[in-house]
Amino acid sequence: MPDIERLLRSVLDQWRAGIDEHNPQAVAELFTGDAIFQGLRPYSVGPQGVFDYYDSQPTGMTVDFSVLESRRLGDDAVLGYIAATFVLPTGEVKDLRLGLVIVRAGGDWRIAYYQAGPAPG
């Protein structure tokens, strides 16, 4: 597995754990202070919007993901194209594609850009 995919997976494993545990604070802490976040409703900037978005998701929702593509944008930035499958407590499944950019921020890797959309039909 390429190093850049490992970087993406390390951040996304934490993201998945926060979602699976319904811990919106843990998810929000993975984002930079000026992160652009586009879930499935209007976008927000910064961790508070991320917190609000995931806080409104139902308890019991889970997610799994796979890295489809990854590119190094520079020494401190990585681009990822991700397949994400969200399972709601009702059993409803939402297959999405995520575009994201993670950046090195103070020694840690954080999400600076996140955009979700439906998987191609």
PDB file of N, CA and C in Angstrom:
ATOM      1  N   MET A   1       0.848  -1.173   0.000  1.00  0.00           N
ATOM      2  CA  MET A   1       0.000   0.000   0.000  1.00  0.00           C
ATOM      3  C   MET A   1       0.897   1.241   0.000  1.00  0.00           C
ATOM      4  N   PRO A   2       0.665   2.158  -0.931  1.00  0.00           N
ATOM      5  CA  PRO A   2       1.489   3.380  -0.969  1.00  0.00           C
ATOM      6  C   PRO A   2       1.357   4.194   0.317  1.00  0.00           C
ATOM      7  N   ASP A   3       2.394   4.952   0.640  1.00  0.00           N
ATOM      8  CA  ASP A   3       2.388   5.771   1.846  1.00  0.00           C
ATOM      9  C   ASP A   3       1.231   6.759   1.882  1.00  0.00           C
ATOM     10  N   ILE A   4       0.905   7.344   0.735  1.00  0.00           N
ATOM     11  CA  ILE A   4      -0.184   8.332   0.747  1.00  0.00           C
ATOM     12  C   ILE A   4      -1.521   7.662   1.055  1.00  0.00           C
ATOM     13  N   GLU A   5      -1.711   6.432   0.609  1.00  0.00           N
ATOM     14  CA  GLU A   5      -2.945   5.726   0.962  1.00  0.00           C
ATOM     15  C   GLU A   5      -2.972   5.415   2.457  1.00  0.00           C
ATOM     16  N   ARG A   6      -1.816   5.102   3.032  1.00  0.00           N
ATOM     17  CA  ARG A   6      -1.740   4.875   4.487  1.00  0.00           C
ATOM     18  C   ARG A   6      -2.135   6.139   5.261  1.00  0.00           C
ATOM     19  N   LEU A   7      -1.667   7.285   4.774  1.00  0.00           N
ATOM     20  CA  LEU A   7      -2.035   8.554   5.423  1.00  0.00           C
ATOM     21  C   LEU A   7      -3.544   8.757   5.383  1.00  0.00           C
ATOM     22  N   LEU A   8      -4.138   8.567   4.214  1.00  0.00           N
ATOM     23  CA  LEU A   8      -5.590   8.706   4.088  1.00  0.00           C
ATOM     24  C   LEU A   8      -6.306   7.740   5.028  1.00  0.00           C
ATOM     25  N   ARG A   9      -5.879   6.504   5.017  1.00  0.00           N
ATOM     26  CA  ARG A   9      -6.527   5.489   5.855  1.00  0.00           C
ATOM     27  C   ARG A   9      -6.395   5.823   7.345  1.00  0.00           C
ATOM     28  N   SER A  10      -5.265   6.362   7.758  1.00  0.00           N
ATOM     29  CA  SER A  10      -5.095   6.680   9.179  1.00  0.00           C
ATOM     30  C   SER A  10      -6.097   7.743   9.623  1.00  0.00           C
ATOM     31  N   VAL A  11      -6.328   8.740   8.780  1.00  0.00           N
ATOM     32  CA  VAL A  11      -7.320   9.780   9.101  1.00  0.00           C
ATOM     33  C   VAL A  11      -8.729   9.208   8.988  1.00  0.00           C
ATOM     34  N   LEU A  12      -8.996   8.469   7.924  1.00  0.00           N
ATOM     35  CA  LEU A  12     -10.341   7.938   7.714  1.00  0.00           C
ATOM     36  C   LEU A  12     -10.712   6.849   8.712  1.00  0.00           C
ATOM     37  N   ASP A  13      -9.752   6.112   9.226  1.00  0.00           N
ATOM     38  CA  ASP A  13     -10.063   5.148  10.292  1.00  0.00           C
ATOM     39  C   ASP A  13     -10.573   5.873  11.530  1.00  0.00           C
ATOM     40  N   GLN A  14      -9.978   7.011  11.857  1.00  0.00           N
ATOM     41  CA  GLN A  14     -10.442   7.812  12.995  1.00  0.00           C
ATOM     42  C   GLN A  14     -11.820   8.406  12.717  1.00  0.00           C
ATOM     43  N   TRP A  15     -12.023   8.869  11.474  1.00  0.00           N
ATOM     44  CA  TRP A  15     -13.320   9.419  11.047  1.00  0.00           C
ATOM     45  C   TRP A  15     -14.397   8.347  11.203  1.00  0.00           C
ATOM     46  N   ARG A  16     -14.114   7.134  10.708  1.00  0.00           N
ATOM     47  CA  ARG A  16     -15.073   6.023  10.808  1.00  0.00           C
ATOM     48  C   ARG A  16     -15.376   5.714  12.274  1.00  0.00           C
ATOM     49  N   ALA A  17     -14.361   5.651  13.113  1.00  0.00           N
ATOM     50  CA  ALA A  17     -14.577   5.349  14.534  1.00  0.00           C
ATOM     51  C   ALA A  17     -15.482   6.398  15.177  1.00  0.00           C
ATOM     52  N   GLY A  18     -15.248   7.671  14.866  1.00  0.00           N
ATOM     53  CA  GLY A  18     -16.092   8.727  15.418  1.00  0.00           C
ATOM     54  C   GLY A  18     -17.538   8.613  14.966  1.00  0.00           C
ATOM     55  N   ILE A  19     -17.746   8.263  13.703  1.00  0.00           N
ATOM     56  CA  ILE A  19     -19.106   8.096  13.188  1.00  0.00           C
ATOM     57  C   ILE A  19     -19.752   6.870  13.832  1.00  0.00           C
ATOM     58  N   ASP A  20     -19.049   5.740  13.831  1.00  0.00           N
ATOM     59  CA  ASP A  20     -19.606   4.506  14.376  1.00  0.00           C
ATOM     60  C   ASP A  20     -19.961   4.646  15.858  1.00  0.00           C
ATOM     61  N   GLU A  21     -19.193   5.464  16.579  1.00  0.00           N
ATOM     62  CA  GLU A  21     -19.449   5.682  18.014  1.00  0.00           C
ATOM     63  C   GLU A  21     -20.416   6.842  18.256  1.00  0.00           C
ATOM     64  N   HIS A  22     -20.904   7.452  17.198  1.00  0.00           N
ATOM     65  CA  HIS A  22     -21.718   8.671  17.274  1.00  0.00           C
ATOM     66  C   HIS A  22     -21.045   9.699  18.193  1.00  0.00           C
ATOM     67  N   ASN A  23     -19.800  10.018  17.847  1.00  0.00           N
ATOM     68  CA  ASN A  23     -19.005  10.976  18.603  1.00  0.00           C
ATOM     69  C   ASN A  23     -18.652  12.136  17.669  1.00  0.00           C
ATOM     70  N   PRO A  24     -19.593  13.082  17.486  1.00  0.00           N
ATOM     71  CA  PRO A  24     -19.347  14.170  16.536  1.00  0.00           C
ATOM     72  C   PRO A  24     -18.148  15.041  16.902  1.00  0.00           C
ATOM     73  N   GLN A  25     -17.805  15.125  18.182  1.00  0.00           N
ATOM     74  CA  GLN A  25     -16.642  15.914  18.583  1.00  0.00           C
ATOM     75  C   GLN A  25     -15.366  15.283  18.050  1.00  0.00           C
ATOM     76  N   ALA A  26     -15.261  13.964  18.141  1.00  0.00           N
ATOM     77  CA  ALA A  26     -14.077  13.267  17.627  1.00  0.00           C
ATOM     78  C   ALA A  26     -13.957  13.455  16.123  1.00  0.00           C
ATOM     79  N   VAL A  27     -15.081  13.428  15.418  1.00  0.00           N
ATOM     80  CA  VAL A  27     -15.055  13.641  13.965  1.00  0.00           C
ATOM     81  C   VAL A  27     -14.622  15.073  13.667  1.00  0.00           C
ATOM     82  N   ALA A  28     -15.215  16.042  14.340  1.00  0.00           N
ATOM     83  CA  ALA A  28     -14.910  17.449  14.088  1.00  0.00           C
ATOM     84  C   ALA A  28     -13.437  17.762  14.339  1.00  0.00           C
ATOM     85  N   GLU A  29     -12.828  17.098  15.312  1.00  0.00           N
ATOM     86  CA  GLU A  29     -11.422  17.350  15.632  1.00  0.00           C
ATOM     87  C   GLU A  29     -10.477  16.883  14.526  1.00  0.00           C
ATOM     88  N   LEU A  30     -10.968  16.106  13.587  1.00  0.00           N
ATOM     89  CA  LEU A  30     -10.152  15.646  12.460  1.00  0.00           C
ATOM     90  C   LEU A  30     -10.052  16.684  11.352  1.00  0.00           C
ATOM     91  N   PHE A  31     -10.775  17.778  11.472  1.00  0.00           N
ATOM     92  CA  PHE A  31     -10.822  18.812  10.449  1.00  0.00           C
ATOM     93  C   PHE A  31     -10.015  20.033  10.860  1.00  0.00           C
ATOM     94  N   THR A  32      -9.452  20.711   9.863  1.00  0.00           N
ATOM     95  CA  THR A  32      -8.720  21.949  10.138  1.00  0.00           C
ATOM     96  C   THR A  32      -9.691  23.050  10.543  1.00  0.00           C
ATOM     97  N   GLY A  33      -9.168  24.099  11.142  1.00  0.00           N
ATOM     98  CA  GLY A  33      -9.998  25.218  11.583  1.00  0.00           C
ATOM     99  C   GLY A  33     -10.722  25.925  10.461  1.00  0.00           C
ATOM    100  N   ASP A  34     -10.202  25.820   9.237  1.00  0.00           N
ATOM    101  CA  ASP A  34     -10.831  26.482   8.093  1.00  0.00           C
ATOM    102  C   ASP A  34     -11.309  25.479   7.038  1.00  0.00           C
ATOM    103  N   ALA A  35     -11.557  24.245   7.478  1.00  0.00           N
ATOM    104  CA  ALA A  35     -11.961  23.187   6.542  1.00  0.00           C
ATOM    105  C   ALA A  35     -13.270  23.534   5.843  1.00  0.00           C
ATOM    106  N   ILE A  36     -13.315  23.237   4.551  1.00  0.00           N
ATOM    107  CA  ILE A  36     -14.555  23.332   3.781  1.00  0.00           C
ATOM    108  C   ILE A  36     -15.190  21.954   3.839  1.00  0.00           C
ATOM    109  N   PHE A  37     -16.435  21.886   4.336  1.00  0.00           N
ATOM    110  CA  PHE A  37     -17.128  20.622   4.526  1.00  0.00           C
ATOM    111  C   PHE A  37     -18.448  20.641   3.776  1.00  0.00           C
ATOM    112  N   GLN A  38     -18.607  19.696   2.866  1.00  0.00           N
ATOM    113  CA  GLN A  38     -19.851  19.547   2.114  1.00  0.00           C
ATOM    114  C   GLN A  38     -20.343  18.128   2.300  1.00  0.00           C
ATOM    115  N   GLY A  39     -21.281  17.955   3.226  1.00  0.00           N
ATOM    116  CA  GLY A  39     -21.950  16.665   3.377  1.00  0.00           C
ATOM    117  C   GLY A  39     -23.085  16.607   2.369  1.00  0.00           C
ATOM    118  N   LEU A  40     -24.225  16.098   2.784  1.00  0.00           N
ATOM    119  CA  LEU A  40     -25.372  16.011   1.874  1.00  0.00           C
ATOM    120  C   LEU A  40     -26.360  17.155   2.057  1.00  0.00           C
ATOM    121  N   ARG A  41     -25.919  18.216   2.665  1.00  0.00           N
ATOM    122  CA  ARG A  41     -26.724  19.444   2.755  1.00  0.00           C
ATOM    123  C   ARG A  41     -25.769  20.622   2.662  1.00  0.00           C
ATOM    124  N   PRO A  42     -26.250  21.839   2.745  1.00  0.00           N
ATOM    125  CA  PRO A  42     -25.372  22.995   2.473  1.00  0.00           C
ATOM    126  C   PRO A  42     -24.044  22.931   3.226  1.00  0.00           C
ATOM    127  N   TYR A  43     -23.028  23.469   2.570  1.00  0.00           N
ATOM    128  CA  TYR A  43     -21.666  23.375   3.096  1.00  0.00           C
ATOM    129  C   TYR A  43     -21.462  24.261   4.312  1.00  0.00           C
ATOM    130  N   SER A  44     -20.362  23.981   5.017  1.00  0.00           N
ATOM    131  CA  SER A  44     -19.971  24.806   6.153  1.00  0.00           C
ATOM    132  C   SER A  44     -18.452  24.949   6.111  1.00  0.00           C
ATOM    133  N   VAL A  45     -17.956  25.851   6.941  1.00  0.00           N
ATOM    134  CA  VAL A  45     -16.521  26.065   7.056  1.00  0.00           C
ATOM    135  C   VAL A  45     -16.150  25.918   8.526  1.00  0.00           C
ATOM    136  N   GLY A  46     -15.186  25.052   8.790  1.00  0.00           N
ATOM    137  CA  GLY A  46     -14.689  24.873  10.150  1.00  0.00           C
ATOM    138  C   GLY A  46     -15.325  23.708  10.882  1.00  0.00           C
ATOM    139  N   PRO A  47     -14.704  23.316  11.988  1.00  0.00           N
ATOM    140  CA  PRO A  47     -15.137  22.135  12.735  1.00  0.00           C
ATOM    141  C   PRO A  47     -16.556  22.214  13.310  1.00  0.00           C
ATOM    142  N   GLN A  48     -17.049  23.407  13.634  1.00  0.00           N
ATOM    143  CA  GLN A  48     -18.395  23.478  14.226  1.00  0.00           C
ATOM    144  C   GLN A  48     -19.450  22.954  13.258  1.00  0.00           C
ATOM    145  N   GLY A  49     -19.323  23.286  11.981  1.00  0.00           N
ATOM    146  CA  GLY A  49     -20.267  22.774  10.988  1.00  0.00           C
ATOM    147  C   GLY A  49     -20.184  21.261  10.856  1.00  0.00           C
ATOM    148  N   VAL A  50     -18.968  20.723  10.961  1.00  0.00           N
ATOM    149  CA  VAL A  50     -18.781  19.268  10.916  1.00  0.00           C
ATOM    150  C   VAL A  50     -19.455  18.634  12.138  1.00  0.00           C
ATOM    151  N   PHE A  51     -19.218  19.222  13.306  1.00  0.00           N
ATOM    152  CA  PHE A  51     -19.843  18.723  14.537  1.00  0.00           C
ATOM    153  C   PHE A  51     -21.360  18.710  14.388  1.00  0.00           C
ATOM    154  N   ASP A  52     -21.930  19.834  13.946  1.00  0.00           N
ATOM    155  CA  ASP A  52     -23.384  19.936  13.822  1.00  0.00           C
ATOM    156  C   ASP A  52     -23.933  18.892  12.855  1.00  0.00           C
ATOM    157  N   TYR A  53     -23.239  18.687  11.752  1.00  0.00           N
ATOM    158  CA  TYR A  53     -23.672  17.717  10.749  1.00  0.00           C
ATOM    159  C   TYR A  53     -23.712  16.308  11.333  1.00  0.00           C
ATOM    160  N   TYR A  54     -22.610  15.886  11.940  1.00  0.00           N
ATOM    161  CA  TYR A  54     -22.565  14.514  12.461  1.00  0.00           C
ATOM    162  C   TYR A  54     -23.371  14.350  13.740  1.00  0.00           C
ATOM    163  N   ASP A  55     -23.564  15.410  14.502  1.00  0.00           N
ATOM    164  CA  ASP A  55     -24.419  15.343  15.683  1.00  0.00           C
ATOM    165  C   ASP A  55     -25.861  15.073  15.272  1.00  0.00           C
ATOM    166  N   SER A  56     -26.253  15.544  14.095  1.00  0.00           N
ATOM    167  CA  SER A  56     -27.631  15.362  13.628  1.00  0.00           C
ATOM    168  C   SER A  56     -27.864  13.991  12.988  1.00  0.00           C
ATOM    169  N   GLN A  57     -26.807  13.224  12.788  1.00  0.00           N
ATOM    170  CA  GLN A  57     -26.958  11.893  12.196  1.00  0.00           C
ATOM    171  C   GLN A  57     -27.482  10.924  13.259  1.00  0.00           C
ATOM    172  N   PRO A  58     -28.218   9.907  12.827  1.00  0.00           N
ATOM    173  CA  PRO A  58     -28.808   8.995  13.817  1.00  0.00           C
ATOM    174  C   PRO A  58     -27.758   8.146  14.536  1.00  0.00           C
ATOM    175  N   THR A  59     -27.966   7.975  15.834  1.00  0.00           N
ATOM    176  CA  THR A  59     -27.134   7.064  16.604  1.00  0.00           C
ATOM    177  C   THR A  59     -27.316   5.667  16.029  1.00  0.00           C
ATOM    178  N   GLY A  60     -26.217   4.970  15.846  1.00  0.00           N
ATOM    179  CA  GLY A  60     -26.282   3.636  15.274  1.00  0.00           C
ATOM    180  C   GLY A  60     -25.901   3.599  13.801  1.00  0.00           C
ATOM    181  N   MET A  61     -25.711   4.784  13.190  1.00  0.00           N
ATOM    182  CA  MET A  61     -25.235   4.820  11.809  1.00  0.00           C
ATOM    183  C   MET A  61     -23.772   4.380  11.804  1.00  0.00           C
ATOM    184  N   THR A  62     -23.398   3.596  10.793  1.00  0.00           N
ATOM    185  CA  THR A  62     -22.017   3.153  10.648  1.00  0.00           C
ATOM    186  C   THR A  62     -21.538   3.467   9.239  1.00  0.00           C
ATOM    187  N   VAL A  63     -20.235   3.391   9.051  1.00  0.00           N
ATOM    188  CA  VAL A  63     -19.660   3.657   7.734  1.00  0.00           C
ATOM    189  C   VAL A  63     -18.482   2.719   7.501  1.00  0.00           C
ATOM    190  N   ASP A  64     -18.328   2.336   6.254  1.00  0.00           N
ATOM    191  CA  ASP A  64     -17.137   1.627   5.819  1.00  0.00           C
ATOM    192  C   ASP A  64     -16.636   2.361   4.586  1.00  0.00           C
ATOM    193  N   PHE A  65     -15.364   2.227   4.268  1.00  0.00           N
ATOM    194  CA  PHE A  65     -14.809   2.980   3.147  1.00  0.00           C
ATOM    195  C   PHE A  65     -13.712   2.203   2.459  1.00  0.00           C
ATOM    196  N   SER A  66     -13.437   2.609   1.241  1.00  0.00           N
ATOM    197  CA  SER A  66     -12.255   2.128   0.528  1.00  0.00           C
ATOM    198  C   SER A  66     -11.672   3.297  -0.248  1.00  0.00           C
ATOM    199  N   VAL A  67     -10.367   3.312  -0.331  1.00  0.00           N
ATOM    200  CA  VAL A  67      -9.664   4.356  -1.068  1.00  0.00           C
ATOM    201  C   VAL A  67      -9.623   3.931  -2.534  1.00  0.00           C
ATOM    202  N   LEU A  68     -10.268   4.724  -3.392  1.00  0.00           N
ATOM    203  CA  LEU A  68     -10.285   4.418  -4.829  1.00  0.00           C
ATOM    204  C   LEU A  68      -9.074   5.010  -5.539  1.00  0.00           C
ATOM    205  N   GLU A  69      -8.730   6.238  -5.173  1.00  0.00           N
ATOM    206  CA  GLU A  69      -7.586   6.933  -5.775  1.00  0.00           C
ATOM    207  C   GLU A  69      -6.946   7.808  -4.724  1.00  0.00           C
ATOM    208  N   SER A  70      -5.644   7.991  -4.852  1.00  0.00           N
ATOM    209  CA  SER A  70      -4.935   8.907  -3.956  1.00  0.00           C
ATOM    210  C   SER A  70      -3.797   9.550  -4.729  1.00  0.00           C
ATOM    211  N   ARG A  71      -3.538  10.807  -4.409  1.00  0.00           N
ATOM    212  CA  ARG A  71      -2.465  11.564  -5.054  1.00  0.00           C
ATOM    213  C   ARG A  71      -1.815  12.465  -4.022  1.00  0.00           C
ATOM    214  N   ARG A  72      -0.500  12.575  -4.100  1.00  0.00           N
ATOM    215  CA  ARG A  72       0.213  13.546  -3.267  1.00  0.00           C
ATOM    216  C   ARG A  72       0.162  14.886  -3.985  1.00  0.00           C
ATOM    217  N   LEU A  73      -0.318  15.900  -3.284  1.00  0.00           N
ATOM    218  CA  LEU A  73      -0.398  17.246  -3.853  1.00  0.00           C
ATOM    219  C   LEU A  73       0.830  18.069  -3.497  1.00  0.00           C
ATOM    220  N   GLY A  74       1.590  17.619  -2.539  1.00  0.00           N
ATOM    221  CA  GLY A  74       2.793  18.295  -2.057  1.00  0.00           C
ATOM    222  C   GLY A  74       3.273  17.556  -0.827  1.00  0.00           C
ATOM    223  N   ASP A  75       4.321  18.066  -0.205  1.00  0.00           N
ATOM    224  CA  ASP A  75       4.858  17.402   0.977  1.00  0.00           C
ATOM    225  C   ASP A  75       3.833  17.302   2.103  1.00  0.00           C
ATOM    226  N   ASP A  76       2.932  18.276   2.176  1.00  0.00           N
ATOM    227  CA  ASP A  76       2.000  18.361   3.292  1.00  0.00           C
ATOM    228  C   ASP A  76       0.543  18.292   2.875  1.00  0.00           C
ATOM    229  N   ALA A  77       0.249  17.706   1.708  1.00  0.00           N
ATOM    230  CA  ALA A  77      -1.138  17.631   1.246  1.00  0.00           C
ATOM    231  C   ALA A  77      -1.348  16.384   0.393  1.00  0.00           C
ATOM    232  N   VAL A  78      -2.482  15.711   0.640  1.00  0.00           N
ATOM    233  CA  VAL A  78      -2.850  14.493  -0.081  1.00  0.00           C
ATOM    234  C   VAL A  78      -4.315  14.593  -0.495  1.00  0.00           C
ATOM    235  N   LEU A  79      -4.584  14.175  -1.724  1.00  0.00           N
ATOM    236  CA  LEU A  79      -5.936  14.132  -2.280  1.00  0.00           C
ATOM    237  C   LEU A  79      -6.432  12.699  -2.255  1.00  0.00           C
ATOM    238  N   GLY A  80      -7.677  12.498  -1.884  1.00  0.00           N
ATOM    239  CA  GLY A  80      -8.254  11.162  -1.896  1.00  0.00           C
ATOM    240  C   GLY A  80      -9.626  11.151  -2.527  1.00  0.00           C
ATOM    241  N   TYR A  81      -9.916  10.067  -3.244  1.00  0.00           N
ATOM    242  CA  TYR A  81     -11.248   9.798  -3.784  1.00  0.00           C
ATOM    243  C   TYR A  81     -11.686   8.494  -3.144  1.00  0.00           C
ATOM    244  N   ILE A  82     -12.777   8.534  -2.386  1.00  0.00           N
ATOM    245  CA  ILE A  82     -13.141   7.481  -1.457  1.00  0.00           C
ATOM    246  C   ILE A  82     -14.544   6.958  -1.760  1.00  0.00           C
ATOM    247  N   ALA A  83     -14.719   5.646  -1.721  1.00  0.00           N
ATOM    248  CA  ALA A  83     -16.049   5.032  -1.737  1.00  0.00           C
ATOM    249  C   ALA A  83     -16.452   4.830  -0.279  1.00  0.00           C
ATOM    250  N   ALA A  84     -17.584   5.372   0.111  1.00  0.00           N
ATOM    251  CA  ALA A  84     -18.056   5.253   1.490  1.00  0.00           C
ATOM    252  C   ALA A  84     -19.472   4.693   1.492  1.00  0.00           C
ATOM    253  N   THR A  85     -19.689   3.702   2.324  1.00  0.00           N
ATOM    254  CA  THR A  85     -21.012   3.096   2.464  1.00  0.00           C
ATOM    255  C   THR A  85     -21.499   3.342   3.882  1.00  0.00           C
ATOM    256  N   PHE A  86     -22.537   4.153   3.988  1.00  0.00           N
ATOM    257  CA  PHE A  86     -23.158   4.460   5.274  1.00  0.00           C
ATOM    258  C   PHE A  86     -24.360   3.545   5.451  1.00  0.00           C
ATOM    259  N   VAL A  87     -24.491   2.955   6.636  1.00  0.00           N
ATOM    260  CA  VAL A  87     -25.638   2.113   6.940  1.00  0.00           C
ATOM    261  C   VAL A  87     -26.377   2.760   8.104  1.00  0.00           C
ATOM    262  N   LEU A  88     -27.627   3.126   7.852  1.00  0.00           N
ATOM    263  CA  LEU A  88     -28.454   3.752   8.875  1.00  0.00           C
ATOM    264  C   LEU A  88     -29.030   2.683   9.804  1.00  0.00           C
ATOM    265  N   PRO A  89     -29.452   3.063  11.006  1.00  0.00           N
ATOM    266  CA  PRO A  89     -30.008   2.077  11.946  1.00  0.00           C
ATOM    267  C   PRO A  89     -31.223   1.334  11.376  1.00  0.00           C
ATOM    268  N   THR A  90     -31.897   1.936  10.418  1.00  0.00           N
ATOM    269  CA  THR A  90     -33.054   1.298   9.779  1.00  0.00           C
ATOM    270  C   THR A  90     -32.640   0.219   8.788  1.00  0.00           C
ATOM    271  N   GLY A  91     -31.346   0.154   8.480  1.00  0.00           N
ATOM    272  CA  GLY A  91     -30.850  -0.781   7.480  1.00  0.00           C
ATOM    273  C   GLY A  91     -30.674  -0.149   6.115  1.00  0.00           C
ATOM    274  N   GLU A  92     -31.161   1.087   5.953  1.00  0.00           N
ATOM    275  CA  GLU A  92     -30.985   1.794   4.677  1.00  0.00           C
ATOM    276  C   GLU A  92     -29.493   2.025   4.435  1.00  0.00           C
ATOM    277  N   VAL A  93     -29.079   1.805   3.198  1.00  0.00           N
ATOM    278  CA  VAL A  93     -27.681   1.949   2.811  1.00  0.00           C
ATOM    279  C   VAL A  93     -27.534   3.138   1.880  1.00  0.00           C
ATOM    280  N   LYS A  94     -26.536   3.970   2.146  1.00  0.00           N
ATOM    281  CA  LYS A  94     -26.217   5.104   1.276  1.00  0.00           C
ATOM    282  C   LYS A  94     -24.791   4.946   0.782  1.00  0.00           C
ATOM    283  N   ASP A  95     -24.660   4.706  -0.522  1.00  0.00           N
ATOM    284  CA  ASP A  95     -23.340   4.621  -1.138  1.00  0.00           C
ATOM    285  C   ASP A  95     -22.961   5.990  -1.668  1.00  0.00           C
ATOM    286  N   LEU A  96     -21.861   6.506  -1.164  1.00  0.00           N
ATOM    287  CA  LEU A  96     -21.412   7.840  -1.540  1.00  0.00           C
ATOM    288  C   LEU A  96     -19.982   7.785  -2.049  1.00  0.00           C
ATOM    289  N   ARG A  97     -19.595   8.858  -2.704  1.00  0.00           N
ATOM    290  CA  ARG A  97     -18.200   9.076  -3.067  1.00  0.00           C
ATOM    291  C   ARG A  97     -17.763  10.350  -2.358  1.00  0.00           C
ATOM    292  N   LEU A  98     -16.576  10.312  -1.803  1.00  0.00           N
ATOM    293  CA  LEU A  98     -16.016  11.453  -1.085  1.00  0.00           C
ATOM    294  C   LEU A  98     -14.766  11.923  -1.800  1.00  0.00           C
ATOM    295  N   GLY A  99     -14.657  13.212  -1.968  1.00  0.00           N
ATOM    296  CA  GLY A  99     -13.415  13.829  -2.379  1.00  0.00           C
ATOM    297  C   GLY A  99     -12.883  14.560  -1.168  1.00  0.00           C
ATOM    298  N   LEU A 100     -11.618  14.344  -0.853  1.00  0.00           N
ATOM    299  CA  LEU A 100     -11.084  15.058   0.294  1.00  0.00           C
ATOM    300  C   LEU A 100      -9.608  15.371   0.102  1.00  0.00           C
ATOM    301  N   VAL A 101      -9.208  16.374   0.837  1.00  0.00           N
ATOM    302  CA  VAL A 101      -7.806  16.761   0.902  1.00  0.00           C
ATOM    303  C   VAL A 101      -7.424  16.753   2.374  1.00  0.00           C
ATOM    304  N   ILE A 102      -6.358  16.023   2.679  1.00  0.00           N
ATOM    305  CA  ILE A 102      -5.829  16.076   4.032  1.00  0.00           C
ATOM    306  C   ILE A 102      -4.497  16.826   3.983  1.00  0.00           C
ATOM    307  N   VAL A 103      -4.238  17.557   5.052  1.00  0.00           N
ATOM    308  CA  VAL A 103      -3.012  18.353   5.131  1.00  0.00           C
ATOM    309  C   VAL A 103      -2.325  18.095   6.472  1.00  0.00           C
ATOM    310  N   ARG A 104      -1.010  18.287   6.468  1.00  0.00           N
ATOM    311  CA  ARG A 104      -0.269  18.178   7.720  1.00  0.00           C
ATOM    312  C   ARG A 104      -0.450  19.495   8.473  1.00  0.00           C
ATOM    313  N   ALA A 105      -0.928  19.368   9.702  1.00  0.00           N
ATOM    314  CA  ALA A 105      -1.179  20.550  10.531  1.00  0.00           C
ATOM    315  C   ALA A 105      -0.570  20.303  11.902  1.00  0.00           C
ATOM    316  N   GLY A 106       0.565  20.924  12.163  1.00  0.00           N
ATOM    317  CA  GLY A 106       1.219  20.768  13.459  1.00  0.00           C
ATOM    318  C   GLY A 106       1.652  19.344  13.760  1.00  0.00           C
ATOM    319  N   GLY A 107       2.078  18.628  12.747  1.00  0.00           N
ATOM    320  CA  GLY A 107       2.542  17.258  12.943  1.00  0.00           C
ATOM    321  C   GLY A 107       1.466  16.213  12.747  1.00  0.00           C
ATOM    322  N   ASP A 108       0.202  16.602  12.782  1.00  0.00           N
ATOM    323  CA  ASP A 108      -0.906  15.677  12.564  1.00  0.00           C
ATOM    324  C   ASP A 108      -1.491  15.921  11.172  1.00  0.00           C
ATOM    325  N   TRP A 109      -2.189  14.939  10.668  1.00  0.00           N
ATOM    326  CA  TRP A 109      -2.891  15.081   9.394  1.00  0.00           C
ATOM    327  C   TRP A 109      -4.360  15.339   9.679  1.00  0.00           C
ATOM    328  N   ARG A 110      -4.891  16.388   9.035  1.00  0.00           N
ATOM    329  CA  ARG A 110      -6.278  16.819   9.229  1.00  0.00           C
ATOM    330  C   ARG A 110      -6.952  17.003   7.877  1.00  0.00           C
ATOM    331  N   ILE A 111      -8.270  16.929   7.901  1.00  0.00           N
ATOM    332  CA  ILE A 111      -9.058  17.112   6.681  1.00  0.00           C
ATOM    333  C   ILE A 111      -9.280  18.604   6.463  1.00  0.00           C
ATOM    334  N   ALA A 112      -8.855  19.097   5.302  1.00  0.00           N
ATOM    335  CA  ALA A 112      -9.030  20.508   4.962  1.00  0.00           C
ATOM    336  C   ALA A 112     -10.179  20.721   3.982  1.00  0.00           C
ATOM    337  N   TYR A 113     -10.532  19.648   3.271  1.00  0.00           N
ATOM    338  CA  TYR A 113     -11.602  19.743   2.278  1.00  0.00           C
ATOM    339  C   TYR A 113     -12.302  18.391   2.220  1.00  0.00           C
ATOM    340  N   TYR A 114     -13.648  18.409   2.237  1.00  0.00           N
ATOM    341  CA  TYR A 114     -14.446  17.177   2.221  1.00  0.00           C
ATOM    342  C   TYR A 114     -15.698  17.461   1.423  1.00  0.00           C
ATOM    343  N   GLN A 115     -15.941  16.655   0.411  1.00  0.00           N
ATOM    344  CA  GLN A 115     -17.168  16.801  -0.368  1.00  0.00           C
ATOM    345  C   GLN A 115     -17.754  15.425  -0.633  1.00  0.00           C
ATOM    346  N   ALA A 116     -19.022  15.262  -0.298  1.00  0.00           N
ATOM    347  CA  ALA A 116     -19.731  13.986  -0.487  1.00  0.00           C
ATOM    348  C   ALA A 116     -20.766  14.123  -1.585  1.00  0.00           C
ATOM    349  N   GLY A 117     -20.945  13.048  -2.337  1.00  0.00           N
ATOM    350  CA  GLY A 117     -21.968  12.991  -3.360  1.00  0.00           C
ATOM    351  C   GLY A 117     -22.374  11.549  -3.604  1.00  0.00           C
ATOM    352  N   PRO A 118     -23.460  11.347  -4.313  1.00  0.00           N
ATOM    353  CA  PRO A 118     -23.920   9.975  -4.566  1.00  0.00           C
ATOM    354  C   PRO A 118     -22.936   9.201  -5.430  1.00  0.00           C
ATOM    355  N   ALA A 119     -22.881   7.892  -5.195  1.00  0.00           N
ATOM    356  CA  ALA A 119     -22.044   7.025  -6.026  1.00  0.00           C
ATOM    357  C   ALA A 119     -22.628   7.009  -7.437  1.00  0.00           C
ATOM    358  N   PRO A 120     -21.771   6.917  -8.447  1.00  0.00           N
ATOM    359  CA  PRO A 120     -22.280   6.833  -9.820  1.00  0.00           C
ATOM    360  C   PRO A 120     -23.209   5.644  -9.978  1.00  0.00           C
ATOM    361  N   GLY A 121     -24.298   5.870 -10.699  1.00  0.00           N
ATOM    362  CA  GLY A 121     -25.303   4.814 -10.892  1.00  0.00           C
ATOM    363  C   GLY A 121     -24.975   3.968 -12.000  1.00  0.00           C
TER     364      GLY A 121
END
